[in-house]
Amino acid sequence: MKAKIIAVGVGAAVTLSTLAAHAATDTTTFDVTISITPSCNISTAGNGAPTLAFGSHDSFQTQVTGSTNLIVTCTNGAAYQLGLNEGLNAGAAGDVNTRRMIGVSTTPDNTADYVPYQLYQDASYATVWGNTLDTNTKAATGTGAQATHTVYGRVPSTNYTVGNYQDTITATVTF
């Protein structure tokens, strides 16, 4: 009878040992990551391209003003700079200080004439808006929502040949 009890005791010990092996655990950790890269989008206010229209004026006007809006949407926290180039008809390539519109009328013919103008970052017409990073661009930080940037324009004088004039400006957002 003793032998039977020992055998039963050994069987119970094996069963307990097996249960203890299954109850043991081990753990590890792993990282969950995402990398959000800066992203920006530039668009015009409203439908289509915005026009900075100075309107119609006789040739005796000075300091004629107008404005338009650009919409920039950048990733929250993304630093960006908004620049405006010199246009297609600048007096010197790359020089935002010589912006000018060219005549586009044929009756009377003003296609060889220019009207100077300037674009500004502020309503007080103090800060010329250019396209040189960290110099004459407009710096901002994205919020993830649309940000409206108003472009202020001024024609110093309308004492030029009768007709219509235009220029094309390229706006660039660098982030």
C-alpha atoms as a PDB file:
ATOM      1  CA  MET A   1       0.000   0.000   0.000  1.00  0.00           C
ATOM      2  CA  LYS A   2       2.868   2.317   0.530  1.00  0.00           C
ATOM      3  CA  ALA A   3       4.019   1.855  -3.035  1.00  0.00           C
ATOM      4  CA  LYS A   4       0.685   2.865  -4.389  1.00  0.00           C
ATOM      5  CA  ILE A   5       0.656   6.051  -2.380  1.00  0.00           C
ATOM      6  CA  ILE A   6       4.144   6.947  -3.537  1.00  0.00           C
ATOM      7  CA  ALA A   7       3.109   6.368  -7.132  1.00  0.00           C
ATOM      8  CA  VAL A   8       0.079   8.571  -6.683  1.00  0.00           C
ATOM      9  CA  GLY A   9       2.250  11.213  -4.988  1.00  0.00           C
ATOM     10  CA  VAL A  10       4.737  11.177  -7.883  1.00  0.00           C
ATOM     11  CA  GLY A  11       1.881  11.514 -10.383  1.00  0.00           C
ATOM     12  CA  ALA A  12       0.530  14.475  -8.480  1.00  0.00           C
ATOM     13  CA  ALA A  13       3.977  16.075  -8.445  1.00  0.00           C
ATOM     14  CA  VAL A  14       4.290  15.659 -12.234  1.00  0.00           C
ATOM     15  CA  THR A  15       0.824  17.176 -12.738  1.00  0.00           C
ATOM     16  CA  LEU A  16       1.677  20.180 -10.525  1.00  0.00           C
ATOM     17  CA  SER A  17       4.980  20.639 -12.315  1.00  0.00           C
ATOM     18  CA  THR A  18       3.210  20.674 -15.709  1.00  0.00           C
ATOM     19  CA  LEU A  19       0.683  23.243 -14.512  1.00  0.00           C
ATOM     20  CA  ALA A  20       3.463  25.491 -13.228  1.00  0.00           C
ATOM     21  CA  ALA A  21       5.206  25.376 -16.649  1.00  0.00           C
ATOM     22  CA  HIS A  22       2.041  26.508 -18.453  1.00  0.00           C
ATOM     23  CA  ALA A  23       1.433  29.357 -16.012  1.00  0.00           C
ATOM     24  CA  ALA A  24       4.797  31.039 -16.728  1.00  0.00           C
ATOM     25  CA  THR A  25       4.808  34.045 -19.094  1.00  0.00           C
ATOM     26  CA  ASP A  26       7.252  36.204 -20.973  1.00  0.00           C
ATOM     27  CA  THR A  27       6.681  39.689 -22.418  1.00  0.00           C
ATOM     28  CA  THR A  28       8.170  42.004 -24.973  1.00  0.00           C
ATOM     29  CA  THR A  29       7.382  45.500 -26.169  1.00  0.00           C
ATOM     30  CA  PHE A  30       7.125  47.040 -29.628  1.00  0.00           C
ATOM     31  CA  ASP A  31       6.829  50.590 -30.897  1.00  0.00           C
ATOM     32  CA  VAL A  32       3.943  51.994 -32.863  1.00  0.00           C
ATOM     33  CA  THR A  33       5.119  54.929 -34.978  1.00  0.00           C
ATOM     34  CA  ILE A  34       4.066  57.370 -37.664  1.00  0.00           C
ATOM     35  CA  SER A  35       6.053  60.120 -39.266  1.00  0.00           C
ATOM     36  CA  ILE A  36       4.023  63.190 -40.223  1.00  0.00           C
ATOM     37  CA  THR A  37       5.871  65.133 -42.880  1.00  0.00           C
ATOM     38  CA  PRO A  38       5.197  68.785 -43.578  1.00  0.00           C
ATOM     39  CA  SER A  39       2.815  69.407 -46.420  1.00  0.00           C
ATOM     40  CA  CYS A  40       1.353  72.592 -47.857  1.00  0.00           C
ATOM     41  CA  ASN A  41      -1.185  73.511 -50.476  1.00  0.00           C
ATOM     42  CA  ILE A  42      -1.631  76.941 -52.025  1.00  0.00           C
ATOM     43  CA  SER A  43      -4.792  77.984 -53.799  1.00  0.00           C
ATOM     44  CA  THR A  44      -6.699  81.041 -54.787  1.00  0.00           C
ATOM     45  CA  ALA A  45      -9.623  82.562 -53.000  1.00  0.00           C
ATOM     46  CA  GLY A  46     -12.903  81.639 -54.617  1.00  0.00           C
ATOM     47  CA  ASN A  47     -13.173  79.826 -57.921  1.00  0.00           C
ATOM     48  CA  GLY A  48     -10.395  80.087 -60.459  1.00  0.00           C
ATOM     49  CA  ALA A  49      -7.412  82.377 -60.381  1.00  0.00           C
ATOM     50  CA  PRO A  50      -7.667  85.477 -58.252  1.00  0.00           C
ATOM     51  CA  THR A  51      -7.292  88.770 -59.988  1.00  0.00           C
ATOM     52  CA  LEU A  52      -5.789  91.786 -58.379  1.00  0.00           C
ATOM     53  CA  ALA A  53      -7.889  94.262 -60.348  1.00  0.00           C
ATOM     54  CA  PHE A  54      -6.961  97.918 -60.061  1.00  0.00           C
ATOM     55  CA  GLY A  55     -10.101  98.820 -62.014  1.00  0.00           C
ATOM     56  CA  SER A  56     -10.574 101.609 -64.593  1.00  0.00           C
ATOM     57  CA  HIS A  57      -9.022 105.020 -63.982  1.00  0.00           C
ATOM     58  CA  ASP A  58      -8.295 108.127 -65.990  1.00  0.00           C
ATOM     59  CA  SER A  59      -4.684 109.114 -66.511  1.00  0.00           C
ATOM     60  CA  PHE A  60      -4.606 111.594 -63.618  1.00  0.00           C
ATOM     61  CA  GLN A  61      -4.741 109.121 -60.720  1.00  0.00           C
ATOM     62  CA  THR A  62      -1.975 108.334 -58.262  1.00  0.00           C
ATOM     63  CA  GLN A  63      -1.526 105.593 -55.687  1.00  0.00           C
ATOM     64  CA  VAL A  64      -4.278 103.368 -57.115  1.00  0.00           C
ATOM     65  CA  THR A  65      -4.716 100.309 -54.871  1.00  0.00           C
ATOM     66  CA  GLY A  66      -6.225  96.823 -55.035  1.00  0.00           C
ATOM     67  CA  SER A  67      -5.963  93.477 -53.284  1.00  0.00           C
ATOM     68  CA  THR A  68      -6.556  89.757 -53.656  1.00  0.00           C
ATOM     69  CA  ASN A  69      -6.258  86.719 -51.377  1.00  0.00           C
ATOM     70  CA  LEU A  70      -4.197  83.546 -51.470  1.00  0.00           C
ATOM     71  CA  ILE A  71      -5.174  80.516 -49.378  1.00  0.00           C
ATOM     72  CA  VAL A  72      -2.434  78.341 -47.839  1.00  0.00           C
ATOM     73  CA  THR A  73      -3.145  75.128 -45.963  1.00  0.00           C
ATOM     74  CA  CYS A  74      -0.163  73.494 -44.248  1.00  0.00           C
ATOM     75  CA  THR A  75       0.269  70.643 -41.822  1.00  0.00           C
ATOM     76  CA  ASN A  76      -0.087  71.715 -38.199  1.00  0.00           C
ATOM     77  CA  GLY A  77       3.306  72.959 -37.038  1.00  0.00           C
ATOM     78  CA  ALA A  78       4.858  73.117 -40.526  1.00  0.00           C
ATOM     79  CA  ALA A  79       6.841  76.315 -41.007  1.00  0.00           C
ATOM     80  CA  TYR A  80       6.434  77.831 -44.455  1.00  0.00           C
ATOM     81  CA  GLN A  81       7.262  80.890 -46.504  1.00  0.00           C
ATOM     82  CA  LEU A  82       4.945  82.391 -49.115  1.00  0.00           C
ATOM     83  CA  GLY A  83       6.644  84.164 -51.984  1.00  0.00           C
ATOM     84  CA  LEU A  84       5.562  86.142 -55.052  1.00  0.00           C
ATOM     85  CA  ASN A  85       7.837  86.341 -58.070  1.00  0.00           C
ATOM     86  CA  GLU A  86       8.620  89.449 -60.140  1.00  0.00           C
ATOM     87  CA  GLY A  87       6.003  88.652 -62.791  1.00  0.00           C
ATOM     88  CA  LEU A  88       6.401  88.190 -66.530  1.00  0.00           C
ATOM     89  CA  ASN A  89       7.221  91.798 -67.405  1.00  0.00           C
ATOM     90  CA  ALA A  90       9.643  93.002 -64.747  1.00  0.00           C
ATOM     91  CA  GLY A  91      12.218  95.536 -65.864  1.00  0.00           C
ATOM     92  CA  ALA A  92      15.032  93.284 -64.634  1.00  0.00           C
ATOM     93  CA  ALA A  93      14.847  89.508 -64.350  1.00  0.00           C
ATOM     94  CA  GLY A  94      14.327  88.418 -60.773  1.00  0.00           C
ATOM     95  CA  ASP A  95      13.835  91.968 -59.499  1.00  0.00           C
ATOM     96  CA  VAL A  96      10.540  92.390 -57.663  1.00  0.00           C
ATOM     97  CA  ASN A  97      11.226  96.131 -57.435  1.00  0.00           C
ATOM     98  CA  THR A  98      10.643  96.561 -61.186  1.00  0.00           C
ATOM     99  CA  ARG A  99       7.265  94.849 -61.550  1.00  0.00           C
ATOM    100  CA  ARG A 100       5.180  96.158 -64.411  1.00  0.00           C
ATOM    101  CA  MET A 101       2.126  95.290 -66.479  1.00  0.00           C
ATOM    102  CA  ILE A 102       2.397  95.242 -70.269  1.00  0.00           C
ATOM    103  CA  GLY A 103      -0.172  96.769 -72.619  1.00  0.00           C
ATOM    104  CA  VAL A 104      -2.539  94.265 -74.239  1.00  0.00           C
ATOM    105  CA  SER A 105      -4.808  96.561 -76.264  1.00  0.00           C
ATOM    106  CA  THR A 106      -4.567  96.907 -80.038  1.00  0.00           C
ATOM    107  CA  THR A 107      -6.954  99.865 -80.449  1.00  0.00           C
ATOM    108  CA  PRO A 108      -5.277 102.080 -79.486  1.00  0.00           C
ATOM    109  CA  ASP A 109      -2.088 100.061 -79.623  1.00  0.00           C
ATOM    110  CA  ASN A 110      -0.342 100.052 -76.240  1.00  0.00           C
ATOM    111  CA  THR A 111       1.423  96.709 -76.626  1.00  0.00           C
ATOM    112  CA  ALA A 112       4.838  98.349 -76.286  1.00  0.00           C
ATOM    113  CA  ASP A 113       3.882 100.228 -73.110  1.00  0.00           C
ATOM    114  CA  TYR A 114       4.222  99.290 -69.449  1.00  0.00           C
ATOM    115  CA  VAL A 115       2.602 100.419 -66.197  1.00  0.00           C
ATOM    116  CA  PRO A 116       4.709  99.893 -63.054  1.00  0.00           C
ATOM    117  CA  TYR A 117       3.117  98.486 -59.906  1.00  0.00           C
ATOM    118  CA  GLN A 118       4.137  96.892 -56.633  1.00  0.00           C
ATOM    119  CA  LEU A 119       2.834  94.091 -54.385  1.00  0.00           C
ATOM    120  CA  TYR A 120       2.966  94.296 -50.600  1.00  0.00           C
ATOM    121  CA  GLN A 121       2.488  92.039 -47.589  1.00  0.00           C
ATOM    122  CA  ASP A 122       0.718  94.704 -45.541  1.00  0.00           C
ATOM    123  CA  ALA A 123      -2.115  97.220 -45.935  1.00  0.00           C
ATOM    124  CA  SER A 124       0.272 100.074 -45.114  1.00  0.00           C
ATOM    125  CA  TYR A 125       2.286  99.273 -48.281  1.00  0.00           C
ATOM    126  CA  ALA A 126       5.536  99.118 -46.322  1.00  0.00           C
ATOM    127  CA  THR A 127       6.788  95.562 -46.987  1.00  0.00           C
ATOM    128  CA  VAL A 128       7.381  94.594 -50.621  1.00  0.00           C
ATOM    129  CA  TRP A 129       6.424  90.989 -51.299  1.00  0.00           C
ATOM    130  CA  GLY A 130       9.133  89.023 -53.082  1.00  0.00           C
ATOM    131  CA  ASN A 131      10.317  85.490 -53.622  1.00  0.00           C
ATOM    132  CA  THR A 132      13.707  85.409 -51.858  1.00  0.00           C
ATOM    133  CA  LEU A 133      13.486  83.061 -48.870  1.00  0.00           C
ATOM    134  CA  ASP A 134      14.180  84.636 -45.472  1.00  0.00           C
ATOM    135  CA  THR A 135      14.375  88.066 -47.114  1.00  0.00           C
ATOM    136  CA  ASN A 136      11.088  89.252 -48.626  1.00  0.00           C
ATOM    137  CA  THR A 137       8.755  86.265 -48.365  1.00  0.00           C
ATOM    138  CA  LYS A 138       5.988  85.998 -45.793  1.00  0.00           C
ATOM    139  CA  ALA A 139       6.764  83.444 -43.059  1.00  0.00           C
ATOM    140  CA  ALA A 140       4.054  81.574 -41.173  1.00  0.00           C
ATOM    141  CA  THR A 141       3.353  78.256 -39.450  1.00  0.00           C
ATOM    142  CA  GLY A 142       0.621  75.885 -40.546  1.00  0.00           C
ATOM    143  CA  THR A 143      -2.289  75.000 -38.297  1.00  0.00           C
ATOM    144  CA  GLY A 144      -3.890  72.355 -40.490  1.00  0.00           C
ATOM    145  CA  ALA A 145      -6.591  74.876 -41.427  1.00  0.00           C
ATOM    146  CA  GLN A 146      -6.759  77.348 -44.288  1.00  0.00           C
ATOM    147  CA  ALA A 147      -4.844  80.582 -43.787  1.00  0.00           C
ATOM    148  CA  THR A 148      -5.761  83.609 -45.885  1.00  0.00           C
ATOM    149  CA  HIS A 149      -2.920  85.860 -47.019  1.00  0.00           C
ATOM    150  CA  THR A 150      -3.941  89.174 -48.561  1.00  0.00           C
ATOM    151  CA  VAL A 151      -1.801  90.575 -51.360  1.00  0.00           C
ATOM    152  CA  TYR A 152      -1.944  94.380 -51.505  1.00  0.00           C
ATOM    153  CA  GLY A 153      -1.121  96.095 -54.788  1.00  0.00           C
ATOM    154  CA  ARG A 154      -0.444  99.699 -55.716  1.00  0.00           C
ATOM    155  CA  VAL A 155       0.062 101.548 -59.000  1.00  0.00           C
ATOM    156  CA  PRO A 156       1.944 104.801 -58.339  1.00  0.00           C
ATOM    157  CA  SER A 157       0.484 106.643 -61.343  1.00  0.00           C
ATOM    158  CA  THR A 158      -1.959 106.049 -64.217  1.00  0.00           C
ATOM    159  CA  ASN A 159      -0.327 108.596 -66.519  1.00  0.00           C
ATOM    160  CA  TYR A 160       0.248 106.080 -69.340  1.00  0.00           C
ATOM    161  CA  THR A 161      -1.169 105.277 -72.778  1.00  0.00           C
ATOM    162  CA  VAL A 162      -4.878 104.455 -72.859  1.00  0.00           C
ATOM    163  CA  GLY A 163      -5.634 100.711 -72.916  1.00  0.00           C
ATOM    164  CA  ASN A 164      -5.589  97.533 -70.900  1.00  0.00           C
ATOM    165  CA  TYR A 165      -2.512  96.206 -69.107  1.00  0.00           C
ATOM    166  CA  GLN A 166      -1.736  92.938 -67.361  1.00  0.00           C
ATOM    167  CA  ASP A 167       0.935  90.837 -65.728  1.00  0.00           C
ATOM    168  CA  THR A 168       1.064  87.327 -64.264  1.00  0.00           C
ATOM    169  CA  ILE A 169       2.533  86.608 -60.829  1.00  0.00           C
ATOM    170  CA  THR A 170       3.541  83.164 -59.593  1.00  0.00           C
ATOM    171  CA  ALA A 171       2.916  82.508 -55.890  1.00  0.00           C
ATOM    172  CA  THR A 172       5.060  79.799 -54.266  1.00  0.00           C
ATOM    173  CA  VAL A 173       4.782  78.200 -50.841  1.00  0.00           C
ATOM    174  CA  THR A 174       8.061  76.717 -49.575  1.00  0.00           C
ATOM    175  CA  PHE A 175       7.964  74.411 -46.548  1.00  0.00           C
END
